[in-house]
N, C-alpha and C. Protein backbone atom coordinates (compact mmCIF):
# COMPACT_ATOMS: atom_id res chain seq x y z
N MET A 1 43.28 109.20 72.38
CA MET A 1 42.58 108.06 72.04
C MET A 1 43.53 106.83 72.03
N SER A 2 42.89 105.72 72.48
CA SER A 2 43.64 104.46 72.59
C SER A 2 43.58 103.91 71.05
N HIS A 3 44.31 102.92 70.78
CA HIS A 3 44.31 102.26 69.57
C HIS A 3 42.90 102.11 68.89
N ILE A 4 42.79 102.09 67.66
CA ILE A 4 41.47 101.86 67.10
C ILE A 4 41.08 100.40 66.66
N THR A 5 41.95 99.48 67.29
CA THR A 5 41.67 98.17 66.92
C THR A 5 40.32 97.51 67.10
N GLU A 6 39.65 98.00 68.13
CA GLU A 6 38.23 97.46 68.44
C GLU A 6 37.28 98.19 67.51
N LYS A 7 37.61 99.34 67.03
CA LYS A 7 36.62 100.13 66.08
C LYS A 7 37.13 100.28 64.81
N LEU A 8 38.03 99.33 64.29
CA LEU A 8 38.59 99.40 62.95
C LEU A 8 37.55 99.43 61.89
N ALA A 9 36.61 98.42 61.96
CA ALA A 9 35.62 98.41 60.88
C ALA A 9 34.72 99.52 60.85
N GLU A 10 34.31 100.06 62.00
CA GLU A 10 33.48 101.11 62.12
C GLU A 10 34.07 102.35 61.47
N PHE A 11 35.51 102.54 61.83
CA PHE A 11 36.15 103.63 61.26
C PHE A 11 36.21 103.56 59.73
N VAL A 12 36.59 102.44 59.13
CA VAL A 12 36.66 102.16 57.65
C VAL A 12 35.26 102.39 57.08
N PHE A 13 34.30 101.93 57.61
CA PHE A 13 32.88 102.14 57.06
C PHE A 13 32.34 103.52 57.49
N GLU A 14 33.07 104.38 58.28
CA GLU A 14 32.60 105.69 58.70
C GLU A 14 31.35 105.63 59.29
N GLU A 15 31.24 104.61 60.21
CA GLU A 15 30.08 104.41 61.15
C GLU A 15 30.17 104.96 62.51
N LEU A 16 31.37 105.60 62.81
CA LEU A 16 31.53 106.23 64.10
C LEU A 16 30.99 107.60 64.01
N SER A 17 30.67 108.14 65.32
CA SER A 17 30.25 109.45 65.42
C SER A 17 31.16 110.47 64.95
N GLY A 18 30.77 111.76 64.64
CA GLY A 18 31.68 112.70 64.25
C GLY A 18 32.75 112.93 65.12
N PRO A 19 32.65 113.16 66.30
CA PRO A 19 33.86 113.47 67.11
C PRO A 19 34.74 112.15 67.33
N GLU A 20 34.13 110.91 67.13
CA GLU A 20 35.04 109.81 67.20
C GLU A 20 35.79 109.58 65.91
N MET A 21 35.11 110.06 64.83
CA MET A 21 35.91 109.92 63.59
C MET A 21 37.09 110.94 63.59
N ALA A 22 36.82 112.12 64.12
CA ALA A 22 37.98 113.19 64.29
C ALA A 22 38.98 112.61 65.11
N GLU A 23 38.70 112.05 66.23
CA GLU A 23 39.63 111.62 67.17
C GLU A 23 40.43 110.41 66.48
N ALA A 24 39.80 109.59 65.88
CA ALA A 24 40.39 108.35 65.20
C ALA A 24 41.41 108.98 64.15
N ARG A 25 41.11 110.03 63.43
CA ARG A 25 41.97 110.58 62.32
C ARG A 25 43.21 111.20 62.93
N ARG A 26 42.92 111.90 64.10
CA ARG A 26 44.13 112.42 64.71
C ARG A 26 45.14 111.31 65.21
N HIS A 27 44.32 110.29 65.73
CA HIS A 27 45.22 109.05 66.17
C HIS A 27 46.00 108.45 65.12
N LEU A 28 45.38 108.24 64.02
CA LEU A 28 46.07 107.65 62.78
C LEU A 28 47.17 108.54 62.33
N ALA A 29 47.10 109.76 62.45
CA ALA A 29 48.13 110.63 62.07
C ALA A 29 49.55 110.41 62.93
N GLU A 30 49.29 109.95 64.09
CA GLU A 30 50.44 109.73 65.07
C GLU A 30 50.78 108.25 65.26
N CYS A 31 49.98 107.35 64.84
CA CYS A 31 50.14 105.97 65.23
C CYS A 31 50.40 105.11 64.01
N VAL A 32 51.72 104.61 63.86
CA VAL A 32 52.01 103.79 62.61
C VAL A 32 51.39 102.53 62.64
N SER A 33 51.20 101.76 63.78
CA SER A 33 50.62 100.56 63.93
C SER A 33 49.20 100.58 63.45
N CYS A 34 48.49 101.45 63.92
CA CYS A 34 46.98 101.67 63.49
C CYS A 34 46.81 101.93 62.15
N ASN A 35 47.80 102.81 61.53
CA ASN A 35 47.67 103.04 60.18
C ASN A 35 47.88 101.79 59.26
N GLU A 36 48.81 100.98 59.75
CA GLU A 36 49.14 99.65 59.03
C GLU A 36 47.81 98.76 58.95
N GLN A 37 47.14 98.73 60.29
CA GLN A 37 45.92 97.94 60.28
C GLN A 37 44.90 98.47 59.56
N VAL A 38 44.67 99.79 59.55
CA VAL A 38 43.61 100.31 58.49
C VAL A 38 43.96 99.93 56.96
N ASP A 39 45.29 100.08 56.73
CA ASP A 39 45.67 99.81 55.32
C ASP A 39 45.35 98.37 54.96
N ARG A 40 45.78 97.45 55.91
CA ARG A 40 45.49 96.03 55.69
C ARG A 40 43.95 95.70 55.59
N PHE A 41 43.28 96.44 56.44
CA PHE A 41 41.72 96.21 56.36
C PHE A 41 41.21 96.70 55.06
N GLN A 42 41.68 97.94 54.45
CA GLN A 42 41.17 98.43 53.19
C GLN A 42 41.63 97.56 52.09
N GLN A 43 42.89 96.94 52.22
CA GLN A 43 43.31 96.11 51.07
C GLN A 43 42.32 94.83 51.12
N THR A 44 42.05 94.37 52.34
CA THR A 44 41.26 93.12 52.28
C THR A 44 39.84 93.42 51.77
N LEU A 45 39.29 94.55 52.12
CA LEU A 45 37.97 95.10 51.73
C LEU A 45 37.86 95.22 50.19
N ALA A 46 39.06 95.73 49.72
CA ALA A 46 39.04 95.97 48.20
C ALA A 46 39.19 94.67 47.41
N MET A 47 39.90 93.69 48.01
CA MET A 47 40.01 92.32 47.37
C MET A 47 38.60 91.76 47.54
N LEU A 48 37.97 91.81 48.64
CA LEU A 48 36.57 91.15 48.77
C LEU A 48 35.53 91.85 47.73
N LYS A 49 35.72 93.08 47.48
CA LYS A 49 34.73 93.82 46.59
C LYS A 49 35.22 93.49 45.22
N ALA A 50 36.46 93.16 44.98
CA ALA A 50 36.87 92.84 43.57
C ALA A 50 36.47 91.48 43.20
N ALA A 51 36.25 90.56 44.17
CA ALA A 51 35.92 89.19 43.77
C ALA A 51 34.51 89.19 43.14
N PRO A 52 34.32 88.49 41.91
CA PRO A 52 33.11 88.58 41.15
C PRO A 52 31.83 88.10 41.93
N ASP A 53 31.88 87.01 42.59
CA ASP A 53 30.57 86.44 43.24
C ASP A 53 30.53 86.69 44.76
N ALA A 54 31.44 87.40 45.29
CA ALA A 54 31.54 87.59 46.84
C ALA A 54 30.99 88.97 47.13
N GLU A 55 29.90 88.95 47.97
CA GLU A 55 29.41 90.08 48.51
C GLU A 55 29.74 90.15 49.94
N LEU A 56 30.31 91.26 50.36
CA LEU A 56 30.77 91.39 51.77
C LEU A 56 29.57 91.48 52.75
N PRO A 57 29.45 90.56 53.60
CA PRO A 57 28.40 90.63 54.52
C PRO A 57 28.63 91.70 55.61
N ARG A 58 27.66 92.31 56.22
CA ARG A 58 27.82 93.44 57.11
C ARG A 58 28.35 92.88 58.52
N SER A 59 28.08 91.49 58.63
CA SER A 59 28.45 90.98 60.00
C SER A 59 29.86 90.34 60.16
N THR A 60 30.66 90.73 59.00
CA THR A 60 32.08 90.25 58.99
C THR A 60 32.81 90.73 60.28
N VAL A 61 33.47 89.76 60.85
CA VAL A 61 34.30 90.19 62.05
C VAL A 61 35.67 89.83 61.78
N PHE A 62 36.64 90.67 61.83
CA PHE A 62 38.09 90.37 61.76
C PHE A 62 38.65 90.26 63.16
N GLU A 63 39.27 89.13 63.35
CA GLU A 63 39.92 88.86 64.71
C GLU A 63 41.43 88.81 64.61
N PHE A 64 42.00 89.49 63.70
CA PHE A 64 43.53 89.16 63.57
C PHE A 64 44.11 90.08 64.68
N GLU A 65 43.46 90.91 65.35
CA GLU A 65 44.20 91.67 66.31
C GLU A 65 43.96 91.10 67.74
N LYS A 66 43.14 90.14 67.90
CA LYS A 66 42.90 89.57 69.19
C LYS A 66 44.07 88.64 69.47
N SER A 67 44.43 88.70 70.71
CA SER A 67 45.64 87.84 71.14
C SER A 67 45.24 86.37 71.06
N PRO A 68 46.25 85.54 70.99
CA PRO A 68 45.95 84.07 70.91
C PRO A 68 45.38 83.51 72.08
N LEU A 69 45.67 84.23 73.31
CA LEU A 69 45.24 83.88 74.60
C LEU A 69 43.71 84.10 74.69
N SER A 70 43.22 85.15 74.16
CA SER A 70 41.72 85.46 74.13
C SER A 70 41.03 84.49 73.34
N ARG A 71 41.69 84.03 72.28
CA ARG A 71 41.03 82.99 71.26
C ARG A 71 41.02 81.62 72.11
N MET A 72 42.10 81.42 72.82
CA MET A 72 42.08 80.10 73.56
C MET A 72 40.94 80.01 74.50
N TRP A 73 40.65 81.08 75.20
CA TRP A 73 39.53 81.03 76.21
C TRP A 73 38.21 80.57 75.62
N ARG A 74 37.94 80.66 74.33
CA ARG A 74 36.83 80.48 73.64
C ARG A 74 36.71 78.80 73.67
N TRP A 75 37.70 78.07 73.67
CA TRP A 75 37.71 76.63 73.69
C TRP A 75 37.70 76.08 74.94
N LEU A 76 37.98 76.72 76.03
CA LEU A 76 38.19 76.20 77.41
C LEU A 76 36.95 75.44 77.80
N PRO A 77 35.68 75.88 77.70
CA PRO A 77 34.49 75.15 78.17
C PRO A 77 34.35 73.89 77.50
N ALA A 78 34.60 73.91 76.19
CA ALA A 78 34.52 72.61 75.41
C ALA A 78 35.56 71.59 75.81
N SER A 79 36.86 72.08 76.09
CA SER A 79 37.79 71.19 76.51
C SER A 79 37.61 70.52 77.80
N VAL A 80 37.00 71.29 78.70
CA VAL A 80 36.72 70.94 80.04
C VAL A 80 35.44 69.88 80.02
N ALA A 81 34.57 70.10 79.12
CA ALA A 81 33.50 69.19 78.91
C ALA A 81 34.00 67.88 78.34
N VAL A 82 34.70 67.94 77.43
CA VAL A 82 35.39 66.74 76.83
C VAL A 82 36.12 65.91 77.80
N ALA A 83 37.08 66.56 78.68
CA ALA A 83 37.80 65.94 79.69
C ALA A 83 36.74 65.27 80.73
N ALA A 84 35.71 66.11 81.07
CA ALA A 84 34.83 65.38 82.10
C ALA A 84 34.20 64.26 81.48
N ILE A 85 33.78 64.21 80.24
CA ILE A 85 33.14 63.15 79.64
C ILE A 85 34.02 61.89 79.53
N LEU A 86 35.33 62.15 79.19
CA LEU A 86 36.31 61.11 79.02
C LEU A 86 36.56 60.46 80.38
N LEU A 87 36.56 61.25 81.52
CA LEU A 87 36.83 60.56 82.87
C LEU A 87 35.64 59.83 83.23
N VAL A 88 34.29 60.16 82.98
CA VAL A 88 33.17 59.58 83.31
C VAL A 88 33.24 58.15 82.56
N ALA A 89 33.53 58.23 81.27
CA ALA A 89 33.61 57.01 80.39
C ALA A 89 34.50 56.10 80.99
N ILE A 90 35.74 56.44 81.30
CA ILE A 90 36.74 55.61 81.95
C ILE A 90 36.22 54.98 83.26
N ALA A 91 35.66 55.78 84.00
CA ALA A 91 35.07 55.38 85.28
C ALA A 91 33.98 54.29 85.08
N LEU A 92 33.22 54.39 84.13
CA LEU A 92 32.20 53.44 83.80
C LEU A 92 32.71 52.24 83.15
N ALA A 93 33.80 52.26 82.43
CA ALA A 93 34.30 51.14 81.62
C ALA A 93 35.21 50.30 82.62
N GLY A 94 35.78 50.77 83.46
CA GLY A 94 36.69 50.00 84.41
C GLY A 94 36.89 50.58 85.78
N ARG A 95 37.63 49.88 86.57
CA ARG A 95 37.68 50.36 87.96
C ARG A 95 38.72 51.61 88.07
N VAL A 96 38.18 52.58 88.67
CA VAL A 96 39.08 53.69 88.88
C VAL A 96 39.23 54.04 90.43
N HIS A 97 40.52 54.08 90.84
CA HIS A 97 40.84 54.14 92.32
C HIS A 97 41.41 55.60 92.36
N ILE A 98 40.76 56.47 93.26
CA ILE A 98 41.38 57.79 93.37
C ILE A 98 41.71 57.84 95.00
N GLN A 99 42.90 58.31 95.17
CA GLN A 99 43.45 58.37 96.48
C GLN A 99 44.09 59.68 96.73
N TRP A 100 43.85 60.43 97.80
CA TRP A 100 44.50 61.72 98.21
C TRP A 100 45.33 61.32 99.43
N HIS A 101 46.67 61.37 99.32
CA HIS A 101 47.56 61.06 100.53
C HIS A 101 48.62 62.12 100.41
N ASP A 102 48.90 62.62 101.53
CA ASP A 102 50.06 63.66 101.67
C ASP A 102 50.14 64.76 100.56
N ALA A 103 49.00 65.32 100.25
CA ALA A 103 48.94 66.22 99.34
C ALA A 103 49.21 65.94 97.95
N GLN A 104 48.92 64.58 97.59
CA GLN A 104 49.26 63.93 96.33
C GLN A 104 48.01 63.32 95.90
N LEU A 105 47.54 63.58 94.69
CA LEU A 105 46.44 62.90 94.22
C LEU A 105 46.88 61.69 93.27
N THR A 106 46.42 60.57 93.40
CA THR A 106 46.68 59.32 92.73
C THR A 106 45.44 58.76 92.13
N ILE A 107 45.40 58.55 90.90
CA ILE A 107 44.29 58.05 90.05
C ILE A 107 44.94 56.82 89.46
N ALA A 108 44.36 55.61 89.80
CA ALA A 108 44.74 54.40 89.21
C ALA A 108 43.66 53.66 88.59
N PHE A 109 43.94 53.03 87.43
CA PHE A 109 42.91 52.30 86.76
C PHE A 109 43.06 50.84 86.71
N GLY A 110 42.01 50.13 86.94
CA GLY A 110 42.25 48.52 87.06
C GLY A 110 42.51 48.14 88.60
N GLN A 111 43.14 47.13 88.75
CA GLN A 111 43.38 46.52 90.07
C GLN A 111 44.52 47.38 90.76
N VAL A 112 44.24 47.85 91.97
CA VAL A 112 45.33 48.55 92.57
C VAL A 112 46.28 47.67 93.28
N THR A 113 47.61 47.70 92.98
CA THR A 113 48.65 46.93 93.78
C THR A 113 49.15 47.90 94.95
N PRO A 114 49.66 47.13 95.89
CA PRO A 114 50.22 47.95 96.96
C PRO A 114 51.34 48.80 96.45
N GLU A 115 52.13 48.53 95.37
CA GLU A 115 53.03 49.22 94.80
C GLU A 115 52.47 50.68 94.38
N ALA A 116 51.44 50.63 93.85
CA ALA A 116 50.59 51.79 93.39
C ALA A 116 50.22 52.85 94.45
N ASN A 117 50.15 52.24 95.58
CA ASN A 117 49.86 53.07 96.81
C ASN A 117 51.23 53.61 97.54
N GLY A 118 52.21 53.11 97.15
CA GLY A 118 53.52 53.62 97.61
C GLY A 118 53.89 52.67 98.86
N ASN A 119 53.30 51.63 99.09
CA ASN A 119 53.67 50.81 100.35
C ASN A 119 54.66 49.82 99.94
N GLN A 120 55.99 50.09 99.71
CA GLN A 120 56.89 49.22 99.12
C GLN A 120 57.25 48.27 100.29
N ALA A 121 57.29 48.67 101.59
CA ALA A 121 57.55 47.75 102.77
C ALA A 121 56.48 46.57 102.68
N ILE A 122 55.33 46.89 102.46
CA ILE A 122 54.19 45.80 102.48
C ILE A 122 54.46 44.95 101.34
N VAL A 123 54.81 45.37 100.26
CA VAL A 123 55.08 44.54 99.04
C VAL A 123 56.28 43.59 99.38
N ASP A 124 57.31 44.12 99.98
CA ASP A 124 58.49 43.22 100.25
C ASP A 124 58.13 42.13 101.23
N GLU A 125 57.37 42.49 102.21
CA GLU A 125 56.89 41.53 103.31
C GLU A 125 55.99 40.48 102.61
N ILE A 126 55.14 40.86 101.69
CA ILE A 126 54.34 39.83 100.94
C ILE A 126 55.07 38.84 100.17
N GLN A 127 56.18 39.43 99.49
CA GLN A 127 57.09 38.61 98.66
C GLN A 127 57.84 37.59 99.51
N ARG A 128 58.32 38.14 100.74
CA ARG A 128 59.12 37.33 101.58
C ARG A 128 58.24 36.13 102.03
N LEU A 129 56.97 36.36 102.54
CA LEU A 129 56.08 35.42 103.04
C LEU A 129 55.61 34.47 101.93
N GLN A 130 55.50 34.96 100.72
CA GLN A 130 55.27 34.01 99.57
C GLN A 130 56.38 33.09 99.34
N GLY A 131 57.59 33.45 99.45
CA GLY A 131 58.66 32.57 99.28
C GLY A 131 58.79 31.58 100.29
N HIS A 132 58.44 31.95 101.61
CA HIS A 132 58.46 31.13 102.72
C HIS A 132 57.42 30.09 102.62
N LEU A 133 56.14 30.54 102.17
CA LEU A 133 55.04 29.60 101.98
C LEU A 133 55.38 28.53 101.01
N ALA A 134 56.06 28.88 99.80
CA ALA A 134 56.49 28.03 98.87
C ALA A 134 57.30 26.90 99.39
N TYR A 135 58.29 27.38 100.25
CA TYR A 135 59.21 26.38 100.81
C TYR A 135 58.47 25.41 101.75
N LEU A 136 57.55 25.93 102.62
CA LEU A 136 56.77 25.04 103.41
C LEU A 136 55.91 24.14 102.66
N GLU A 137 55.30 24.45 101.58
CA GLU A 137 54.43 23.60 100.75
C GLU A 137 55.44 22.51 100.20
N ASP A 138 56.52 22.78 99.71
CA ASP A 138 57.42 21.82 99.16
C ASP A 138 57.84 20.83 100.26
N ARG A 139 58.13 21.36 101.44
CA ARG A 139 58.50 20.46 102.50
C ARG A 139 57.33 19.63 103.05
N GLN A 140 56.08 20.11 102.93
CA GLN A 140 54.91 19.34 103.33
C GLN A 140 54.78 18.18 102.35
N GLN A 141 54.96 18.37 101.01
CA GLN A 141 54.82 17.42 100.06
C GLN A 141 55.81 16.24 100.16
N ARG A 142 57.03 16.70 100.48
CA ARG A 142 58.11 15.63 100.83
C ARG A 142 57.82 14.84 102.03
N ILE A 143 57.21 15.46 103.08
CA ILE A 143 56.97 14.67 104.32
C ILE A 143 55.75 13.78 104.03
N GLU A 144 54.74 14.29 103.21
CA GLU A 144 53.73 13.30 102.85
C GLU A 144 54.14 12.16 102.01
N SER A 145 55.11 12.53 101.16
CA SER A 145 55.56 11.35 100.26
C SER A 145 56.31 10.36 101.12
N ASP A 146 57.09 10.75 102.09
CA ASP A 146 57.86 10.01 102.99
C ASP A 146 56.87 9.12 103.88
N THR A 147 55.95 9.86 104.39
CA THR A 147 54.97 9.09 105.25
C THR A 147 54.17 8.06 104.50
N PHE A 148 53.85 8.33 103.22
CA PHE A 148 53.17 7.41 102.43
C PHE A 148 53.98 6.11 102.17
N ALA A 149 55.39 6.41 101.87
CA ALA A 149 56.31 5.27 101.70
C ALA A 149 56.47 4.43 103.14
N THR A 150 56.57 5.11 104.16
CA THR A 150 56.73 4.37 105.35
C THR A 150 55.43 3.66 105.77
N ALA A 151 54.27 4.22 105.50
CA ALA A 151 53.09 3.47 105.71
C ALA A 151 52.94 2.23 104.92
N SER A 152 53.41 2.35 103.63
CA SER A 152 53.41 1.17 102.81
C SER A 152 54.27 0.11 103.29
N THR A 153 55.48 0.47 103.82
CA THR A 153 56.43 -0.44 104.40
C THR A 153 55.80 -1.12 105.56
N ILE A 154 55.17 -0.34 106.47
CA ILE A 154 54.62 -0.87 107.71
C ILE A 154 53.59 -1.86 107.27
N GLN A 155 52.74 -1.56 106.28
CA GLN A 155 51.61 -2.55 105.90
C GLN A 155 52.25 -3.83 105.36
N LEU A 156 53.34 -3.77 104.57
CA LEU A 156 53.98 -4.98 104.06
C LEU A 156 54.50 -5.78 105.31
N LEU A 157 55.15 -5.12 106.32
CA LEU A 157 55.64 -5.84 107.38
C LEU A 157 54.48 -6.42 108.24
N ALA A 158 53.37 -5.71 108.33
CA ALA A 158 52.29 -6.33 109.10
C ALA A 158 51.74 -7.46 108.39
N ARG A 159 51.81 -7.68 107.16
CA ARG A 159 51.20 -8.82 106.42
C ARG A 159 52.22 -9.91 106.37
N GLY A 160 53.33 -9.69 106.70
CA GLY A 160 54.52 -10.82 106.77
C GLY A 160 55.08 -10.73 105.53
N HIS A 161 55.14 -9.85 104.68
CA HIS A 161 55.86 -9.84 103.50
C HIS A 161 57.22 -9.43 103.75
N ARG A 162 58.00 -9.83 102.82
CA ARG A 162 59.25 -9.41 102.83
C ARG A 162 59.60 -8.12 102.23
N LEU A 163 60.48 -7.32 102.74
CA LEU A 163 60.85 -5.99 102.15
C LEU A 163 61.69 -6.26 100.90
N PRO A 164 61.40 -5.39 99.81
CA PRO A 164 62.18 -5.50 98.58
C PRO A 164 63.62 -5.26 98.95
N THR A 165 64.50 -5.84 98.33
CA THR A 165 65.99 -5.64 98.58
C THR A 165 66.30 -4.25 98.00
N GLY A 166 67.29 -3.56 98.60
CA GLY A 166 67.75 -2.27 98.21
C GLY A 166 67.24 -1.21 99.14
N ASP A 167 66.38 -1.40 99.91
CA ASP A 167 65.83 -0.41 100.94
C ASP A 167 66.36 -0.54 102.25
């Protein structure tokens, strides 16, 4: 017989069939681990019976022998549902950009910059052009200022006025 962990309660309450009970007793005679489990179960049962107001329900399930991995699977559907709800809420609350490129999934929230897409060369070119544009705008303002001053001088000369000294 394999270990009696699945039928521990049935063994202690003697709810197994006659042949199963005999086989379980033979197994307990050889297996120290199962003996310890039966002893712990019987001690727990004795403490529950000794409690003044506690009545042991027949639907009591003891899960101390189940592996943590099997207990974790119980929470998996709820965890997946919470994650899905969270993603939907984020998608509704703001912009979500999802990109699949070269077997890499990128999820970005808010405005996507070229850096987020991995296009560093494009970012460098944009920054270079922005610097050049700032230079050209400054030069244009100086030329406009010089042109305005020259036009004012021409107007004064055309009217026959004398130029101010120092220019």
